[in-house]
Each structure stands twice: as structure tokens, then as C-alpha cells.
Amino acid sequence: MKKILVPTDFSEQAEYALKVAAQLARKYDGEIFLLHMLELPMHLVGGAAASGSGVGGGGSQNLPEALYFMKLAKKRFGEIRQEPYLKDIKLTETVEFHQAFDGIMEISEKHNCDLIVMGSHGATGFKEMFIGSNTEKVVRNSTIPVLVIKNDHEIFDIKDFVFATDCDLENKHTLQQAKRFAGKLGARLHLVYINTANNFMTHNDAQQCLDDFVEGEDDKDYTLNIYNDVTVENGILNFARSIDAGLIGISTHGRKGIAHFFNGSISEDLVNHAQQPVVTFKI
């Protein structure tokens, strides 16, 4: 967690994300790249613009509209820098005249970021998350972990981390990602397989699947769990509540959605309905 990207629309939820990113950066001597996207109308976009404190993308600085929004963003950045929780943290602000999703991906690659932290409005709907549906695209397609924050965490201290798995051996590398993430947070990892009527396995078969999934792992500092529920989403949420977990992790499969039984909109539903932060790892 040396390089953390925090996209912001200057909302309350975006500030929640920045506060968590600041705690992680402080703990791991990392730096934060704070990004604000200006999605100007297409007729205002053209030519290259890059200047000063990280303003770039495809907008012309000579346009009054572009200048106005750029100055407004810089003003907000200046106010944010005064927040006590950012004291002594290396922070780089960037304003991009770009389509939001493309800009977020571009900046994360440009700075070789290893984590994206984003805010969410939660139960009001995934489509109302940061910059509309762009968070959905980021969660589904990011090659680096995405941590979605919904609430204010004065102290981001995770003791128990639930990682839901379908035990697909081809996706075993996501277990390694989850273990590394848990290790950095100092959290206990709890692997859980959700057994549903639509994809039912006996307890012994489900246990065997979990055992096969973790076979060969030297570090056994995690628990293996089978949880029965009506749906995968309900099972993950209910299991997380049952152990009072502070974080939920899932694997994403790009445009194909969530792997195997994680189909449809399970990632969106989890982010919307979970009270805890959710972190996603790309398969």
C-alpha cells in the first residue's frame, strides 16, 4: 500500500475514503494520489493540457468553462490539504479532463498504484456511487484491489476479514491477494463458501472443495467456513455479521461479472448492502 489512488468528487463519502487512505498511507509510509475528474461536454474537449500541480487530460485551458472548474477543484484541494488527518502525508493532486473511468484507470497505471480507495453512498444504489456507474466499472475491471468505503472510520482497524470464494482452483491467486491484504491490515482471514439450494453441495463435499482450494498453503492463519443461505449475497452478509467482520472481500471477473456463482450483480449488491467496507480483487 505504498501508492494509493483516491478518486474524489468532494462528497462526504469521498472524504470517508480519503480518511481511510490517509491512515493506510501513514501506516505504510505511502503516498496518496488524489484525483478529480472533470467530464466536460465533448465540444469542450480537445488538445492537450498539462500544467502546474497535476492538471491534465484533453481539455483546453483557454476555455473559460475549463478554467472555472479547474480553479474550483484547486480551491477544494487546498481546503482538503489543511485537514489534520493529512498532516505529513505525501499527497499529489490531479485534475483530469477525461471520461471518469478511463481517467481513473489511466492514472492508476501511470503512477503504478497498488490500491484504489473509493467512496460509496451505499444502499441508495450502486449507480449513485462516485461518478455514477464509474465505480462499478472500476470494481469490475481494475487490475489492482479496490477498497470501497461507505462510512466514516476515525480508526480503520480491521480485526476480521471475510473472503468469499467459490473454490475454483484457477482463481487460487485471489487467495494470495486476500492473504497479503489481510496481513497488511493485521486482520484474521476467514474464507467462506456459501452453499445455496441452487448450487447445493453436501457439507463434506463443500469442505473438500475448501480443503482442495487451500492445499499447499504454508501459512494456515485463516479459518475455513461453510455457510448455508438462500443466496450467495445473503450468505456473505449474514456470515460477516455472525463473526462481526470489519471487511468483506470478493473476486471480480471483469466484464463477466463475479466468477462462477458470483454472477449477475453480486458485486454491486454487496457494495450496496454491506455495512462493512468491501475490497475486490481481479481474477
C-alpha atoms as a PDB file:
ATOM      1  CA  MET A   1       0.000   0.000   0.000  1.00  0.00           C
ATOM      2  CA  LYS A   2       2.753   2.392  -0.982  1.00  0.00           C
ATOM      3  CA  LYS A   3       0.795   4.176  -3.706  1.00  0.00           C
ATOM      4  CA  ILE A   4      -2.908   4.746  -3.141  1.00  0.00           C
ATOM      5  CA  LEU A   5      -5.256   6.336  -5.663  1.00  0.00           C
ATOM      6  CA  VAL A   6      -8.293   8.140  -4.247  1.00  0.00           C
ATOM      7  CA  PRO A   7     -10.755   9.443  -6.854  1.00  0.00           C
ATOM      8  CA  THR A   8     -12.886  12.229  -5.370  1.00  0.00           C
ATOM      9  CA  ASP A   9     -15.974  14.232  -6.244  1.00  0.00           C
ATOM     10  CA  PHE A  10     -15.513  16.160  -2.960  1.00  0.00           C
ATOM     11  CA  SER A  11     -18.549  14.435  -1.452  1.00  0.00           C
ATOM     12  CA  GLU A  12     -18.822  13.264   2.141  1.00  0.00           C
ATOM     13  CA  GLN A  13     -18.341   9.658   1.049  1.00  0.00           C
ATOM     14  CA  ALA A  14     -15.222  10.579  -0.925  1.00  0.00           C
ATOM     15  CA  GLU A  15     -13.805  12.160   2.218  1.00  0.00           C
ATOM     16  CA  TYR A  16     -14.505   8.949   4.151  1.00  0.00           C
ATOM     17  CA  ALA A  17     -12.399   7.137   1.555  1.00  0.00           C
ATOM     18  CA  LEU A  18      -9.613   9.706   1.797  1.00  0.00           C
ATOM     19  CA  LYS A  19      -9.514   9.389   5.593  1.00  0.00           C
ATOM     20  CA  VAL A  20      -9.038   5.623   5.306  1.00  0.00           C
ATOM     21  CA  ALA A  21      -6.404   6.068   2.588  1.00  0.00           C
ATOM     22  CA  ALA A  22      -4.583   8.540   4.824  1.00  0.00           C
ATOM     23  CA  GLN A  23      -4.454   6.032   7.669  1.00  0.00           C
ATOM     24  CA  LEU A  24      -3.092   3.341   5.349  1.00  0.00           C
ATOM     25  CA  ALA A  25      -0.533   5.720   3.841  1.00  0.00           C
ATOM     26  CA  ARG A  26       0.625   6.812   7.279  1.00  0.00           C
ATOM     27  CA  LYS A  27       0.925   3.219   8.488  1.00  0.00           C
ATOM     28  CA  TYR A  28       2.911   2.033   5.466  1.00  0.00           C
ATOM     29  CA  ASP A  29       4.827   5.227   4.691  1.00  0.00           C
ATOM     30  CA  GLY A  30       2.918   5.501   1.433  1.00  0.00           C
ATOM     31  CA  GLU A  31       1.666   8.323  -0.723  1.00  0.00           C
ATOM     32  CA  ILE A  32      -1.765   9.327  -1.959  1.00  0.00           C
ATOM     33  CA  PHE A  33      -2.748  10.397  -5.453  1.00  0.00           C
ATOM     34  CA  LEU A  34      -5.953  12.408  -5.130  1.00  0.00           C
ATOM     35  CA  LEU A  35      -7.822  12.543  -8.437  1.00  0.00           C
ATOM     36  CA  HIS A  36     -10.736  14.701  -9.508  1.00  0.00           C
ATOM     37  CA  MET A  37     -12.282  14.069 -12.913  1.00  0.00           C
ATOM     38  CA  LEU A  38     -13.849  16.859 -14.952  1.00  0.00           C
ATOM     39  CA  GLU A  39     -16.126  15.260 -17.511  1.00  0.00           C
ATOM     40  CA  LEU A  40     -16.656  18.276 -19.729  1.00  0.00           C
ATOM     41  CA  PRO A  41     -19.028  18.216 -22.713  1.00  0.00           C
ATOM     42  CA  MET A  42     -17.357  16.750 -25.759  1.00  0.00           C
ATOM     43  CA  HIS A  43     -17.258  20.049 -27.657  1.00  0.00           C
ATOM     44  CA  LEU A  44     -15.040  21.443 -24.899  1.00  0.00           C
ATOM     45  CA  VAL A  45     -12.599  18.575 -25.063  1.00  0.00           C
ATOM     46  CA  GLY A  46      -9.687  18.737 -27.440  1.00  0.00           C
ATOM     47  CA  GLY A  47      -5.982  19.357 -27.451  1.00  0.00           C
ATOM     48  CA  ALA A  48      -3.632  18.505 -24.657  1.00  0.00           C
ATOM     49  CA  ALA A  49      -3.488  20.353 -21.358  1.00  0.00           C
ATOM     50  CA  ALA A  50      -0.991  19.735 -18.651  1.00  0.00           C
ATOM     51  CA  SER A  51       0.331  22.238 -16.212  1.00  0.00           C
ATOM     52  CA  GLY A  52       1.284  23.157 -12.672  1.00  0.00           C
ATOM     53  CA  SER A  53       0.085  20.887  -9.914  1.00  0.00           C
ATOM     54  CA  GLY A  54      -1.070  17.965 -11.977  1.00  0.00           C
ATOM     55  CA  VAL A  55      -3.747  19.192 -14.353  1.00  0.00           C
ATOM     56  CA  GLY A  56      -4.024  17.154 -17.490  1.00  0.00           C
ATOM     57  CA  GLY A  57      -6.173  15.250 -19.910  1.00  0.00           C
ATOM     58  CA  GLY A  58      -7.895  16.509 -23.008  1.00  0.00           C
ATOM     59  CA  GLY A  59      -9.354  19.908 -22.108  1.00  0.00           C
ATOM     60  CA  SER A  60      -8.179  23.323 -23.285  1.00  0.00           C
ATOM     61  CA  GLN A  61      -7.074  25.644 -20.514  1.00  0.00           C
ATOM     62  CA  ASN A  62      -8.066  28.633 -22.638  1.00  0.00           C
ATOM     63  CA  LEU A  63     -11.738  27.793 -22.317  1.00  0.00           C
ATOM     64  CA  PRO A  64     -13.480  29.819 -19.582  1.00  0.00           C
ATOM     65  CA  GLU A  65     -15.549  26.787 -18.556  1.00  0.00           C
ATOM     66  CA  ALA A  66     -12.480  24.595 -18.164  1.00  0.00           C
ATOM     67  CA  LEU A  67     -10.629  27.293 -16.231  1.00  0.00           C
ATOM     68  CA  TYR A  68     -13.557  27.815 -13.885  1.00  0.00           C
ATOM     69  CA  PHE A  69     -13.909  24.149 -12.952  1.00  0.00           C
ATOM     70  CA  MET A  70     -10.152  23.694 -12.720  1.00  0.00           C
ATOM     71  CA  LYS A  71      -9.805  26.641 -10.314  1.00  0.00           C
ATOM     72  CA  LEU A  72     -12.729  25.355  -8.267  1.00  0.00           C
ATOM     73  CA  ALA A  73     -11.087  21.936  -7.975  1.00  0.00           C
ATOM     74  CA  LYS A  74      -7.758  23.510  -6.956  1.00  0.00           C
ATOM     75  CA  LYS A  75      -9.575  25.518  -4.275  1.00  0.00           C
ATOM     76  CA  ARG A  76     -11.152  22.367  -2.897  1.00  0.00           C
ATOM     77  CA  PHE A  77      -7.784  20.596  -2.971  1.00  0.00           C
ATOM     78  CA  GLY A  78      -6.310  23.471  -0.980  1.00  0.00           C
ATOM     79  CA  GLU A  79      -9.013  23.120   1.662  1.00  0.00           C
ATOM     80  CA  ILE A  80      -8.502  19.349   1.866  1.00  0.00           C
ATOM     81  CA  ARG A  81      -4.767  19.761   2.387  1.00  0.00           C
ATOM     82  CA  GLN A  82      -5.496  21.637   5.618  1.00  0.00           C
ATOM     83  CA  GLU A  83      -7.239  18.635   7.159  1.00  0.00           C
ATOM     84  CA  PRO A  84      -5.320  17.352  10.227  1.00  0.00           C
ATOM     85  CA  TYR A  85      -5.617  13.719   9.095  1.00  0.00           C
ATOM     86  CA  LEU A  86      -3.422  14.533   6.062  1.00  0.00           C
ATOM     87  CA  LYS A  87      -0.615  16.160   8.021  1.00  0.00           C
ATOM     88  CA  ASP A  88       2.851  14.982   6.905  1.00  0.00           C
ATOM     89  CA  ILE A  89       1.383  12.630   4.271  1.00  0.00           C
ATOM     90  CA  LYS A  90       2.759  12.872   0.739  1.00  0.00           C
ATOM     91  CA  LEU A  91      -0.189  13.938  -1.395  1.00  0.00           C
ATOM     92  CA  THR A  92      -0.333  14.631  -5.120  1.00  0.00           C
ATOM     93  CA  GLU A  93      -3.473  16.246  -6.530  1.00  0.00           C
ATOM     94  CA  THR A  94      -4.524  15.757 -10.116  1.00  0.00           C
ATOM     95  CA  VAL A  95      -7.387  17.216 -12.135  1.00  0.00           C
ATOM     96  CA  GLU A  96      -8.126  15.357 -15.348  1.00  0.00           C
ATOM     97  CA  PHE A  97     -10.362  16.432 -18.221  1.00  0.00           C
ATOM     98  CA  HIS A  98     -11.273  12.898 -19.097  1.00  0.00           C
ATOM     99  CA  GLN A  99     -14.031  10.325 -19.001  1.00  0.00           C
ATOM    100  CA  ALA A 100     -14.024   9.304 -15.356  1.00  0.00           C
ATOM    101  CA  PHE A 101     -13.498   5.542 -15.621  1.00  0.00           C
ATOM    102  CA  ASP A 102     -10.779   5.850 -18.264  1.00  0.00           C
ATOM    103  CA  GLY A 103      -9.076   8.584 -16.271  1.00  0.00           C
ATOM    104  CA  ILE A 104      -9.058   6.556 -13.067  1.00  0.00           C
ATOM    105  CA  MET A 105      -7.536   3.553 -14.821  1.00  0.00           C
ATOM    106  CA  GLU A 106      -5.005   5.710 -16.647  1.00  0.00           C
ATOM    107  CA  ILE A 107      -3.796   7.495 -13.515  1.00  0.00           C
ATOM    108  CA  SER A 108      -3.566   4.265 -11.506  1.00  0.00           C
ATOM    109  CA  GLU A 109      -1.333   2.767 -14.209  1.00  0.00           C
ATOM    110  CA  LYS A 110       0.703   5.940 -14.700  1.00  0.00           C
ATOM    111  CA  HIS A 111       1.689   6.084 -11.028  1.00  0.00           C
ATOM    112  CA  ASN A 112       1.861   2.307 -10.577  1.00  0.00           C
ATOM    113  CA  CYS A 113      -0.691   2.435  -7.757  1.00  0.00           C
ATOM    114  CA  ASP A 114      -1.280  -0.722  -5.743  1.00  0.00           C
ATOM    115  CA  LEU A 115      -4.669   0.202  -4.249  1.00  0.00           C
ATOM    116  CA  ILE A 116      -7.707   2.293  -5.190  1.00  0.00           C
ATOM    117  CA  VAL A 117      -9.886   3.607  -2.364  1.00  0.00           C
ATOM    118  CA  MET A 118     -13.321   4.920  -3.351  1.00  0.00           C
ATOM    119  CA  GLY A 119     -16.378   6.233  -1.521  1.00  0.00           C
ATOM    120  CA  SER A 120     -19.891   4.844  -1.837  1.00  0.00           C
ATOM    121  CA  HIS A 121     -23.364   6.071  -0.943  1.00  0.00           C
ATOM    122  CA  GLY A 122     -24.268   2.502  -0.088  1.00  0.00           C
ATOM    123  CA  ALA A 123     -27.881   1.364  -0.008  1.00  0.00           C
ATOM    124  CA  THR A 124     -29.103   4.262  -2.166  1.00  0.00           C
ATOM    125  CA  GLY A 125     -27.870   2.295  -5.116  1.00  0.00           C
ATOM    126  CA  PHE A 126     -24.639   1.401  -6.860  1.00  0.00           C
ATOM    127  CA  LYS A 127     -25.461   3.717  -9.747  1.00  0.00           C
ATOM    128  CA  GLU A 128     -25.314   6.654  -7.337  1.00  0.00           C
ATOM    129  CA  MET A 129     -21.836   5.821  -6.182  1.00  0.00           C
ATOM    130  CA  PHE A 130     -18.890   8.044  -7.036  1.00  0.00           C
ATOM    131  CA  ILE A 131     -19.315   9.495 -10.523  1.00  0.00           C
ATOM    132  CA  GLY A 132     -22.374   7.465 -11.382  1.00  0.00           C
ATOM    133  CA  SER A 133     -21.674   3.999 -12.735  1.00  0.00           C
ATOM    134  CA  ASN A 134     -17.911   4.538 -12.992  1.00  0.00           C
ATOM    135  CA  THR A 135     -17.276   2.862  -9.632  1.00  0.00           C
ATOM    136  CA  GLU A 136     -18.973  -0.238 -10.988  1.00  0.00           C
ATOM    137  CA  LYS A 137     -16.565  -0.211 -13.929  1.00  0.00           C
ATOM    138  CA  VAL A 138     -13.591   0.291 -11.650  1.00  0.00           C
ATOM    139  CA  VAL A 139     -14.653  -2.516  -9.301  1.00  0.00           C
ATOM    140  CA  ARG A 140     -15.246  -4.889 -12.191  1.00  0.00           C
ATOM    141  CA  ASN A 141     -12.165  -4.094 -14.264  1.00  0.00           C
ATOM    142  CA  SER A 142      -9.387  -2.796 -12.028  1.00  0.00           C
ATOM    143  CA  THR A 143      -6.287  -4.976 -12.074  1.00  0.00           C
ATOM    144  CA  ILE A 144      -5.401  -3.771  -8.565  1.00  0.00           C
ATOM    145  CA  PRO A 145      -7.502  -4.118  -5.404  1.00  0.00           C
ATOM    146  CA  VAL A 146     -10.360  -1.640  -4.960  1.00  0.00           C
ATOM    147  CA  LEU A 147     -11.444  -0.765  -1.421  1.00  0.00           C
ATOM    148  CA  VAL A 148     -14.940   0.734  -1.231  1.00  0.00           C
ATOM    149  CA  ILE A 149     -15.735   2.798   1.861  1.00  0.00           C
ATOM    150  CA  LYS A 150     -19.255   3.842   2.912  1.00  0.00           C
ATOM    151  CA  ASN A 151     -18.884   5.153   6.430  1.00  0.00           C
ATOM    152  CA  ASP A 152     -16.589   7.356   8.444  1.00  0.00           C
ATOM    153  CA  HIS A 153     -13.748   5.393  10.063  1.00  0.00           C
ATOM    154  CA  GLU A 154     -11.879   7.533  12.557  1.00  0.00           C
ATOM    155  CA  ILE A 155      -9.746   4.464  13.207  1.00  0.00           C
ATOM    156  CA  PHE A 156      -9.563   1.955  10.360  1.00  0.00           C
ATOM    157  CA  ASP A 157      -8.659  -1.112  12.395  1.00  0.00           C
ATOM    158  CA  ILE A 158      -9.836  -4.389  10.858  1.00  0.00           C
ATOM    159  CA  LYS A 159      -9.691  -7.438  13.113  1.00  0.00           C
ATOM    160  CA  ASP A 160     -11.638  -9.941  10.994  1.00  0.00           C
ATOM    161  CA  PHE A 161     -11.715 -10.073   7.192  1.00  0.00           C
ATOM    162  CA  VAL A 162     -14.207 -12.320   5.356  1.00  0.00           C
ATOM    163  CA  PHE A 163     -13.152 -13.518   1.904  1.00  0.00           C
ATOM    164  CA  ALA A 164     -15.887 -15.287  -0.059  1.00  0.00           C
ATOM    165  CA  THR A 165     -14.718 -17.943  -2.501  1.00  0.00           C
ATOM    166  CA  ASP A 166     -16.234 -20.385  -4.959  1.00  0.00           C
ATOM    167  CA  CYS A 167     -13.138 -22.611  -4.562  1.00  0.00           C
ATOM    168  CA  ASP A 168     -12.301 -22.502  -8.273  1.00  0.00           C
ATOM    169  CA  LEU A 169      -8.671 -23.656  -8.393  1.00  0.00           C
ATOM    170  CA  GLU A 170      -7.989 -21.466 -11.427  1.00  0.00           C
ATOM    171  CA  ASN A 171      -8.636 -18.448  -9.240  1.00  0.00           C
ATOM    172  CA  LYS A 172      -6.406 -19.504  -6.377  1.00  0.00           C
ATOM    173  CA  HIS A 173      -4.195 -16.457  -6.906  1.00  0.00           C
ATOM    174  CA  THR A 174      -7.003 -14.338  -5.448  1.00  0.00           C
ATOM    175  CA  LEU A 175      -6.479 -16.197  -2.160  1.00  0.00           C
ATOM    176  CA  GLN A 176      -2.879 -14.995  -2.198  1.00  0.00           C
ATOM    177  CA  GLN A 177      -4.076 -11.429  -2.747  1.00  0.00           C
ATOM    178  CA  ALA A 178      -6.570 -11.701   0.095  1.00  0.00           C
ATOM    179  CA  LYS A 179      -3.928 -13.170   2.415  1.00  0.00           C
ATOM    180  CA  ARG A 180      -1.486 -10.372   1.621  1.00  0.00           C
ATOM    181  CA  PHE A 181      -4.186  -7.762   2.173  1.00  0.00           C
ATOM    182  CA  ALA A 182      -5.189  -9.324   5.488  1.00  0.00           C
ATOM    183  CA  GLY A 183      -1.551  -9.445   6.519  1.00  0.00           C
ATOM    184  CA  LYS A 184      -1.023  -5.757   5.790  1.00  0.00           C
ATOM    185  CA  LEU A 185      -4.104  -4.875   7.813  1.00  0.00           C
ATOM    186  CA  GLY A 186      -3.153  -7.219  10.638  1.00  0.00           C
ATOM    187  CA  ALA A 187      -6.553  -8.906  10.257  1.00  0.00           C
ATOM    188  CA  ARG A 188      -7.600 -12.547  10.690  1.00  0.00           C
ATOM    189  CA  LEU A 189      -8.749 -14.004   7.369  1.00  0.00           C
ATOM    190  CA  HIS A 190     -11.941 -16.091   7.203  1.00  0.00           C
ATOM    191  CA  LEU A 191     -12.560 -17.984   3.952  1.00  0.00           C
ATOM    192  CA  VAL A 192     -16.219 -18.772   3.399  1.00  0.00           C
ATOM    193  CA  TYR A 193     -18.023 -20.902   0.846  1.00  0.00           C
ATOM    194  CA  ILE A 194     -21.722 -20.088   0.546  1.00  0.00           C
ATOM    195  CA  ASN A 195     -23.893 -23.133  -0.027  1.00  0.00           C
ATOM    196  CA  THR A 196     -27.253 -22.389  -1.670  1.00  0.00           C
ATOM    197  CA  ALA A 197     -30.150 -24.536  -2.840  1.00  0.00           C
ATOM    198  CA  ASN A 198     -29.380 -23.655  -6.468  1.00  0.00           C
ATOM    199  CA  ASN A 199     -25.811 -24.850  -6.134  1.00  0.00           C
ATOM    200  CA  PHE A 200     -26.098 -27.290  -3.280  1.00  0.00           C
ATOM    201  CA  MET A 201     -23.278 -29.494  -2.018  1.00  0.00           C
ATOM    202  CA  THR A 202     -23.208 -31.743   0.990  1.00  0.00           C
ATOM    203  CA  HIS A 203     -21.190 -30.427   3.893  1.00  0.00           C
ATOM    204  CA  ASN A 204     -18.464 -32.997   3.248  1.00  0.00           C
ATOM    205  CA  ASP A 205     -18.205 -32.075  -0.441  1.00  0.00           C
ATOM    206  CA  ALA A 206     -18.082 -28.367   0.361  1.00  0.00           C
ATOM    207  CA  GLN A 207     -15.399 -28.991   2.974  1.00  0.00           C
ATOM    208  CA  GLN A 208     -13.394 -30.988   0.435  1.00  0.00           C
ATOM    209  CA  CYS A 209     -13.650 -28.102  -2.035  1.00  0.00           C
ATOM    210  CA  LEU A 210     -12.270 -25.702   0.565  1.00  0.00           C
ATOM    211  CA  ASP A 211      -9.503 -28.131   1.512  1.00  0.00           C
ATOM    212  CA  ASP A 212      -8.505 -28.509  -2.151  1.00  0.00           C
ATOM    213  CA  PHE A 213      -8.560 -24.729  -2.594  1.00  0.00           C
ATOM    214  CA  VAL A 214      -6.073 -24.110   0.227  1.00  0.00           C
ATOM    215  CA  GLU A 215      -3.930 -27.188  -0.412  1.00  0.00           C
ATOM    216  CA  GLY A 216      -0.254 -26.349  -0.458  1.00  0.00           C
ATOM    217  CA  GLU A 217      -0.609 -23.150   1.545  1.00  0.00           C
ATOM    218  CA  ASP A 218       2.182 -22.879   4.071  1.00  0.00           C
ATOM    219  CA  ASP A 219       0.556 -20.157   6.124  1.00  0.00           C
ATOM    220  CA  LYS A 220      -2.569 -21.530   7.799  1.00  0.00           C
ATOM    221  CA  ASP A 221      -3.516 -18.331   9.596  1.00  0.00           C
ATOM    222  CA  TYR A 222      -7.113 -18.363   8.370  1.00  0.00           C
ATOM    223  CA  THR A 223     -10.354 -20.183   9.078  1.00  0.00           C
ATOM    224  CA  LEU A 224     -12.386 -22.283   6.630  1.00  0.00           C
ATOM    225  CA  ASN A 225     -16.147 -21.871   6.759  1.00  0.00           C
ATOM    226  CA  ILE A 226     -19.265 -23.206   5.039  1.00  0.00           C
ATOM    227  CA  TYR A 227     -22.409 -21.136   5.347  1.00  0.00           C
ATOM    228  CA  ASN A 228     -25.877 -22.117   4.100  1.00  0.00           C
ATOM    229  CA  ASP A 229     -28.227 -19.405   2.894  1.00  0.00           C
ATOM    230  CA  VAL A 230     -30.848 -18.536   0.304  1.00  0.00           C
ATOM    231  CA  THR A 231     -28.492 -16.552  -1.908  1.00  0.00           C
ATOM    232  CA  VAL A 232     -24.761 -16.033  -2.106  1.00  0.00           C
ATOM    233  CA  GLU A 233     -25.107 -12.354  -1.259  1.00  0.00           C
ATOM    234  CA  ASN A 234     -27.244 -13.052   1.833  1.00  0.00           C
ATOM    235  CA  GLY A 235     -24.827 -15.746   2.911  1.00  0.00           C
ATOM    236  CA  ILE A 236     -21.789 -13.486   2.691  1.00  0.00           C
ATOM    237  CA  LEU A 237     -23.517 -10.663   4.555  1.00  0.00           C
ATOM    238  CA  ASN A 238     -25.002 -12.928   7.229  1.00  0.00           C
ATOM    239  CA  PHE A 239     -21.745 -14.783   7.809  1.00  0.00           C
ATOM    240  CA  ALA A 240     -19.863 -11.478   8.073  1.00  0.00           C
ATOM    241  CA  ARG A 241     -22.398 -10.272  10.660  1.00  0.00           C
ATOM    242  CA  SER A 242     -22.160 -13.522  12.601  1.00  0.00           C
ATOM    243  CA  ILE A 243     -18.447 -13.028  13.268  1.00  0.00           C
ATOM    244  CA  ASP A 244     -18.622  -9.221  13.403  1.00  0.00           C
ATOM    245  CA  ALA A 245     -16.214  -8.900  10.457  1.00  0.00           C
ATOM    246  CA  GLY A 246     -14.901  -5.438   9.653  1.00  0.00           C
ATOM    247  CA  LEU A 247     -14.199  -6.108   5.958  1.00  0.00           C
ATOM    248  CA  ILE A 248     -15.609  -8.259   3.150  1.00  0.00           C
ATOM    249  CA  GLY A 249     -13.549  -9.378   0.164  1.00  0.00           C
ATOM    250  CA  ILE A 250     -14.683 -10.801  -3.168  1.00  0.00           C
ATOM    251  CA  SER A 251     -13.110 -11.614  -6.534  1.00  0.00           C
ATOM    252  CA  THR A 252     -14.219  -9.878  -9.714  1.00  0.00           C
ATOM    253  CA  HIS A 253     -14.094 -11.242 -13.220  1.00  0.00           C
ATOM    254  CA  GLY A 254     -14.131  -8.135 -15.383  1.00  0.00           C
ATOM    255  CA  ARG A 255     -16.994  -7.886 -17.809  1.00  0.00           C
ATOM    256  CA  LYS A 256     -18.048 -11.408 -16.992  1.00  0.00           C
ATOM    257  CA  GLY A 257     -19.083 -10.300 -13.553  1.00  0.00           C
ATOM    258  CA  ILE A 258     -18.151 -12.266 -10.471  1.00  0.00           C
ATOM    259  CA  ALA A 259     -16.603 -15.674 -11.019  1.00  0.00           C
ATOM    260  CA  HIS A 260     -18.662 -18.867 -11.032  1.00  0.00           C
ATOM    261  CA  PHE A 261     -21.567 -18.475  -8.612  1.00  0.00           C
ATOM    262  CA  PHE A 262     -20.690 -14.771  -8.212  1.00  0.00           C
ATOM    263  CA  ASN A 263     -22.783 -13.902 -11.236  1.00  0.00           C
ATOM    264  CA  GLY A 264     -25.128 -11.081 -12.116  1.00  0.00           C
ATOM    265  CA  SER A 265     -24.880  -8.075  -9.859  1.00  0.00           C
ATOM    266  CA  ILE A 266     -23.493  -9.696  -6.700  1.00  0.00           C
ATOM    267  CA  SER A 267     -20.594  -7.234  -6.523  1.00  0.00           C
ATOM    268  CA  GLU A 268     -22.904  -4.244  -6.796  1.00  0.00           C
ATOM    269  CA  ASP A 269     -25.347  -5.742  -4.306  1.00  0.00           C
ATOM    270  CA  LEU A 270     -22.634  -6.448  -1.772  1.00  0.00           C
ATOM    271  CA  VAL A 271     -21.221  -2.953  -2.001  1.00  0.00           C
ATOM    272  CA  ASN A 272     -24.708  -1.505  -1.672  1.00  0.00           C
ATOM    273  CA  HIS A 273     -25.918  -3.623   1.205  1.00  0.00           C
ATOM    274  CA  ALA A 274     -22.846  -4.414   3.275  1.00  0.00           C
ATOM    275  CA  GLN A 275     -22.371  -2.248   6.319  1.00  0.00           C
ATOM    276  CA  GLN A 276     -18.664  -3.043   6.171  1.00  0.00           C
ATOM    277  CA  PRO A 277     -16.110  -1.834   3.631  1.00  0.00           C
ATOM    278  CA  VAL A 278     -15.715  -4.158   0.637  1.00  0.00           C
ATOM    279  CA  VAL A 279     -12.460  -4.920  -1.165  1.00  0.00           C
ATOM    280  CA  THR A 280     -12.355  -6.541  -4.597  1.00  0.00           C
ATOM    281  CA  PHE A 281      -9.563  -8.489  -6.270  1.00  0.00           C
ATOM    282  CA  LYS A 282      -9.341  -9.083 -10.023  1.00  0.00           C
ATOM    283  CA  ILE A 283      -9.363 -12.683 -11.200  1.00  0.00           C
END
